[in-house]
Amino acid sequence: MRYFEVREPFKKLTELQLRVGRNIFWKFCAECVSKLFISLWSIYLARKLGPKYFGILMYGQTLAQYLWICSDFGIGNYGTVMIARDKENISRTKSDLLTIRVFFAITVYMGLFCILLLRNGETFTTKIYLILGVFIIANSFNIDWLFRGIERIQFVAIGTAITSGLYLLCVVLSVNGPEHTITAAIFWPLAFFVGAVFLNWKAVRLGYSRIFSLPSKKWVIYIKEAKFFYLSVIFMMGLQYLPVFMIGAILSPYDVGMFYAPFKLYTSLSTLAFVIIAGFFPTLADLSCGKTHLFNRSASYLIKLLLIIGFVCSFIIVAFSKPCIVLLFGEKYLDSITVFRLFGILFPLFLLRQGYLQPLLAAKKAGYVSLVSSLGIGILVVSIIFLVKKFGINGAVYSMILSECSILLFHIFFRMRWRDL
């Protein structure tokens, strides 16, 4: 009897580790390939377009990603949780959430279209923003959240590789200078649409054939429950991309380009966190229902793993910043070397915050996450205006570090209180 008392928990833990390990492996494959491609096309475009036009393109992509958050309505994370918890009604859930997502995406893009046409801005930048804005609709068809929920992340890996690989191929073959900035913009939403088509085709092959659905009372329930995930994603992305907006508003496209070159490398490295998180998140969502011991142990593993990755990467970034900048972007980006080093300091703070945040989301504490994130983004908004004016692009990273530290302290405090999740 004692043998089974000792061995049964060990068996459960092993099954847990296998599930998490399998998810991490496939997500790791997806992100390694996609972020390699993304880093390559970022470096290629930065060199070919120069700081000014690279800054215009990246600013437009950032605008499109912000508007995408508005149209997503938190369905990315919410859909994963719903699919993981209710595997009996996957096809219906998928069709409902996808229809809601596409509807919101079309509405948001039409709003962008009207605003850009009414404003008296430069014709060139207006064209860039309208073209890049199509990404909002194209990415709304992406159902990677469904495959994360059923823990078939290998298909997400393939879809992600298709998207990033196609865009890299297109820009390398067609972009040779600043005059091809519009061409680079056109291929960006197109690549995302092709990747989304692949995932939908695969979902139909797996038996989830319902694509769209008619409005029903379920929609109201979904929207009410997803709103906290929506707010948490808004705040998370706001913390990440608001500095780009502020630099573009206060400084110049050239400064945006100088900031965005190291910023893109930082976000690519940040994907390491989401590789690990994507493997843990469906399992954490499952274990949050009455399996407190295993849930807390999994959350602890996640935090320790992210800490190790964060400090190793931070040392490399700070110690070898100058040769990295010259090698990747060229000597014309040397003015951003201080920003590059500051991102090295910020990186472990970002990973640690994600380590405390994701278990809370999995346990449906998204309302709390939204509250704390709103505090962090408030600190960022207040501080960034003053710091960017005083310190230029370096000030944007100072404000990001201040905001990350504030949120992290709150997450640690409340996670210690909620040990019985």
Foldseek 3Di string as FASTA:
>chain_A
DVVCVVVVVVVVLVVLCVLLVLLLVLLVLLLVLLLVLVLVVLLVCCQFAPQQLSLLLVLLLLVLVLLLLQLLLLCLQVVLLVCLVCVPCLLVSQQLSLQSSLVSLVVSLVVLVVVLVPDPDDPVSSLLNNLLNVLSNLLSLAVCSNCLNVSVSNLVSVLSNQLSVQLSVQCVVQGRHNVCSSVSSNSNSVSSNVSSVSVLVVCVVVPSVNHHDDDDPVSVVSSVLSNLSSLLVSLVSCLLRVLLVLLVVPPHSSLSSLLVSLSSVLVSLLVSLVSSLSSCQSVLLVCLPPNLVSNLVSLVVSLVVLLVSLLVQLVCQQVCQQVVCCVRRRPVSNVSSLVSNLSSVCRSLVSNLSSLPRSCVSNSVSNVSSVLSVVLSVQLVVQQNVQCVVPNSSSNSVSSSVSSVSSSVVSVVVCVVPSRD
